[in-house]
Amino acid sequence: MKTAKIYFAFILFLFTQTGCITLYKPNSINTPLLKVQGELKGTVGLSESGCGLLNVQGAYALSNHVGVLLNGMYH
């Protein structure tokens, strides 16, 4: 019985010490500074490190005070 407890504790220890490795990669900041209705701005960024492999961003001004932002990232 004591051997089973030690074996279980060892397996539990292994599961807590290993696992998925996560890496935080934020997308680039989207600051379009839209001024008038109907204005459209977009960017596409390619990178091998840092902010991901592909960053796609867009913004459209629905009115003089309301805008819609679109952000996407593939890494």
Protein backbone atom coordinates (compact mmCIF):
# COMPACT_ATOMS: atom_id res chain seq x y z
CA MET A 1 0.00 0.00 0.00
CA LYS A 2 2.84 2.37 0.84
CA THR A 3 4.45 1.66 -2.55
CA ALA A 4 1.22 2.57 -4.33
CA LYS A 5 1.05 5.90 -2.47
CA ILE A 6 4.65 6.71 -3.35
CA TYR A 7 4.03 5.74 -6.99
CA PHE A 8 0.86 7.89 -7.09
CA ALA A 9 2.70 10.85 -5.52
CA PHE A 10 5.51 10.50 -8.08
CA ILE A 11 3.05 10.41 -11.01
CA LEU A 12 1.17 13.39 -9.59
CA PHE A 13 4.47 15.27 -9.25
CA LEU A 14 5.34 14.54 -12.89
CA PHE A 15 1.97 15.84 -14.09
CA THR A 16 2.35 19.06 -12.15
CA GLN A 17 5.88 19.67 -13.45
CA THR A 18 5.14 19.12 -17.13
CA GLY A 19 2.42 20.41 -19.37
CA CYS A 20 1.67 22.77 -22.17
CA ILE A 21 4.17 25.55 -22.62
CA THR A 22 2.45 28.83 -23.33
CA LEU A 23 4.03 31.84 -24.90
CA TYR A 24 2.36 35.23 -24.74
CA LYS A 25 2.47 37.00 -28.09
CA PRO A 26 0.35 40.15 -28.12
CA ASN A 27 -0.87 41.57 -31.40
CA SER A 28 0.36 44.97 -32.47
CA ILE A 29 -1.59 48.01 -31.27
CA ASN A 30 -4.33 49.26 -33.58
CA THR A 31 -4.67 53.07 -33.33
CA PRO A 32 -6.29 54.20 -36.58
CA LEU A 33 -7.14 57.84 -35.56
CA LEU A 34 -10.20 58.09 -37.79
CA LYS A 35 -11.50 61.64 -38.39
CA VAL A 36 -14.46 61.65 -40.81
CA GLN A 37 -17.32 59.32 -41.72
CA GLY A 38 -16.43 56.71 -44.32
CA GLU A 39 -12.71 56.74 -43.60
CA LEU A 40 -11.05 53.33 -43.87
CA LYS A 41 -7.62 52.34 -42.58
CA GLY A 42 -5.93 48.95 -42.65
CA THR A 43 -2.56 47.40 -41.93
CA VAL A 44 -0.95 44.03 -42.53
CA GLY A 45 2.23 43.10 -40.68
CA LEU A 46 4.51 40.11 -41.23
CA SER A 47 7.07 39.04 -38.66
CA GLU A 48 9.09 35.98 -37.68
CA SER A 49 9.18 36.84 -33.97
CA GLY A 50 7.66 39.23 -31.49
CA CYS A 51 4.05 40.07 -32.36
CA GLY A 52 3.18 36.85 -34.20
CA LEU A 53 3.65 35.72 -37.79
CA LEU A 54 0.81 37.71 -39.39
CA ASN A 55 -1.10 40.70 -38.02
CA VAL A 56 -4.14 42.03 -39.91
CA GLN A 57 -5.93 45.14 -38.69
CA GLY A 58 -8.64 47.35 -40.08
CA ALA A 59 -10.84 50.25 -39.00
CA TYR A 60 -13.84 51.98 -40.54
CA ALA A 61 -15.62 55.15 -39.39
CA LEU A 62 -19.38 54.59 -39.35
CA SER A 63 -19.94 58.24 -38.41
CA ASN A 64 -17.88 61.13 -37.09
CA HIS A 65 -17.97 59.64 -33.58
CA VAL A 66 -18.36 55.85 -34.07
CA GLY A 67 -15.85 53.45 -35.57
CA VAL A 68 -15.45 49.71 -36.01
CA LEU A 69 -12.12 47.95 -35.44
CA LEU A 70 -11.03 44.53 -36.71
CA ASN A 71 -7.92 42.76 -35.42
CA GLY A 72 -6.57 39.34 -36.29
CA MET A 73 -3.32 37.51 -35.63
CA TYR A 74 -1.89 34.21 -36.82
CA HIS A 75 1.19 32.74 -35.19
